[in-house]
Amino acid sequence: MTTSSATDIDQVISALKGGLTSVPADTAVQVIDSFEQQVRGLGATEIADNLVKLKGLLTSGSGSPQDISQTLSQLGSQTSASASGADSGLQSKLQELGQLLSSAGQSLA
């Protein structure tokens, strides 16, 4: 990952630390789009597919809290698991992001 990737991860972490409801919907969609493109470019198609699913749940208006919770939890697990294969400078960021995504998912359950 590049320095811009690390910056993007920091932005996602910062947004999640503020709580799910603190992020405006249009900002959330932009962050999801950017993150999805990056992880797809790295070959992490499972994470990218779940990001597309999350965006769909958020933008359709028909996503239940349970569906969103499950998707966030899956993203958290996948992101944490991907940390071990990442550059050493990003491993802790990905671990933190994974934990925040999992916590966000649990908060909706």
Protein backbone atom coordinates (compact mmCIF):
# COMPACT_ATOMS: atom_id res chain seq x y z
CA MET A 1 0.00 0.00 0.00
CA THR A 2 1.07 3.53 -0.61
CA THR A 3 1.27 6.55 1.67
CA SER A 4 -2.09 7.70 0.31
CA SER A 5 -3.51 4.32 1.31
CA ALA A 6 -2.28 4.86 4.86
CA THR A 7 -3.84 8.33 4.85
CA ASP A 8 -7.15 6.90 3.61
CA ILE A 9 -7.07 4.25 6.34
CA ASP A 10 -6.43 6.97 8.91
CA GLN A 11 -9.48 8.86 7.61
CA VAL A 12 -11.68 5.76 7.90
CA ILE A 13 -10.36 5.08 11.41
CA SER A 14 -11.02 8.68 12.43
CA ALA A 15 -14.56 8.55 11.06
CA LEU A 16 -15.35 5.29 12.83
CA LYS A 17 -13.96 6.57 16.12
CA GLY A 18 -16.49 9.41 15.89
CA GLY A 19 -19.31 6.89 15.73
CA LEU A 20 -21.39 5.64 12.83
CA THR A 21 -23.98 8.37 13.10
CA SER A 22 -21.36 11.14 13.03
CA VAL A 23 -20.52 10.42 9.39
CA PRO A 24 -22.85 12.04 6.82
CA ALA A 25 -24.26 9.48 4.36
CA ASP A 26 -22.62 11.07 1.30
CA THR A 27 -19.24 11.10 3.05
CA ALA A 28 -19.67 7.45 4.05
CA VAL A 29 -20.40 6.50 0.45
CA GLN A 30 -17.31 8.38 -0.78
CA VAL A 31 -15.11 6.69 1.84
CA ILE A 32 -16.55 3.26 0.97
CA ASP A 33 -15.98 3.88 -2.77
CA SER A 34 -12.38 4.94 -2.24
CA PHE A 35 -11.59 2.07 0.09
CA GLU A 36 -13.29 -0.45 -2.22
CA GLN A 37 -11.19 0.69 -5.20
CA GLN A 38 -8.00 0.41 -3.18
CA VAL A 39 -8.63 -3.06 -1.79
CA ARG A 40 -9.87 -4.33 -5.14
CA GLY A 41 -6.65 -3.03 -6.71
CA LEU A 42 -4.72 -5.07 -4.13
CA GLY A 43 -6.66 -8.21 -5.01
CA ALA A 44 -8.73 -8.28 -1.81
CA THR A 45 -11.92 -9.03 -3.71
CA GLU A 46 -13.77 -10.47 -0.71
CA ILE A 47 -13.34 -7.22 1.23
CA ALA A 48 -14.18 -5.15 -1.86
CA ASP A 49 -17.34 -7.18 -2.48
CA ASN A 50 -18.48 -6.62 1.11
CA LEU A 51 -17.79 -2.89 0.76
CA VAL A 52 -20.04 -2.84 -2.32
CA LYS A 53 -22.67 -4.73 -0.33
CA LEU A 54 -22.39 -2.25 2.56
CA LYS A 55 -22.75 0.71 0.20
CA GLY A 56 -25.84 -0.90 -1.32
CA LEU A 57 -27.38 -1.45 2.09
CA LEU A 58 -26.73 2.15 3.07
CA THR A 59 -27.93 3.77 -0.15
CA SER A 60 -30.97 1.60 -0.85
CA GLY A 61 -32.79 2.62 2.29
CA SER A 62 -33.88 -0.98 2.68
CA GLY A 63 -30.85 -2.27 4.57
CA SER A 64 -31.87 -3.50 7.98
CA PRO A 65 -29.67 -2.79 11.00
CA GLN A 66 -29.12 -6.56 11.21
CA ASP A 67 -27.86 -6.76 7.61
CA ILE A 68 -25.59 -3.73 8.08
CA SER A 69 -24.33 -5.15 11.38
CA GLN A 70 -23.47 -8.48 9.78
CA THR A 71 -21.67 -6.82 6.85
CA LEU A 72 -19.65 -4.53 9.14
CA SER A 73 -18.67 -7.51 11.30
CA GLN A 74 -17.57 -9.48 8.23
CA LEU A 75 -15.54 -6.51 7.02
CA GLY A 76 -13.93 -6.22 10.45
CA SER A 77 -12.90 -9.87 10.46
CA GLN A 78 -11.61 -9.74 6.89
CA THR A 79 -9.67 -6.52 7.46
CA SER A 80 -8.06 -7.85 10.64
CA ALA A 81 -7.12 -11.06 8.85
CA SER A 82 -5.56 -9.12 5.98
CA ALA A 83 -3.28 -7.19 8.34
CA SER A 84 -0.80 -10.06 8.67
CA GLY A 85 -0.03 -9.91 4.94
CA ALA A 86 0.27 -6.12 4.77
CA ASP A 87 3.36 -3.92 4.87
CA SER A 88 4.70 -3.63 8.40
CA GLY A 89 3.77 0.06 8.52
CA LEU A 90 0.12 -0.72 7.84
CA GLN A 91 -0.40 -3.82 9.95
CA SER A 92 -1.37 -1.97 13.13
CA LYS A 93 -3.64 0.42 11.19
CA LEU A 94 -5.45 -2.49 9.54
CA GLN A 95 -5.80 -4.27 12.88
CA GLU A 96 -7.29 -1.13 14.42
CA LEU A 97 -9.60 -0.63 11.44
CA GLY A 98 -10.73 -4.25 11.65
CA GLN A 99 -11.51 -3.88 15.34
CA LEU A 100 -13.43 -0.65 14.76
CA LEU A 101 -15.50 -2.22 11.96
CA SER A 102 -16.28 -5.24 14.14
CA SER A 103 -17.25 -2.98 17.04
CA ALA A 104 -19.46 -0.90 14.76
CA GLY A 105 -21.17 -4.07 13.60
CA GLN A 106 -21.70 -5.25 17.16
CA SER A 107 -23.15 -1.88 18.14
CA LEU A 108 -25.96 -2.39 15.64
CA ALA A 109 -26.71 -5.98 16.63
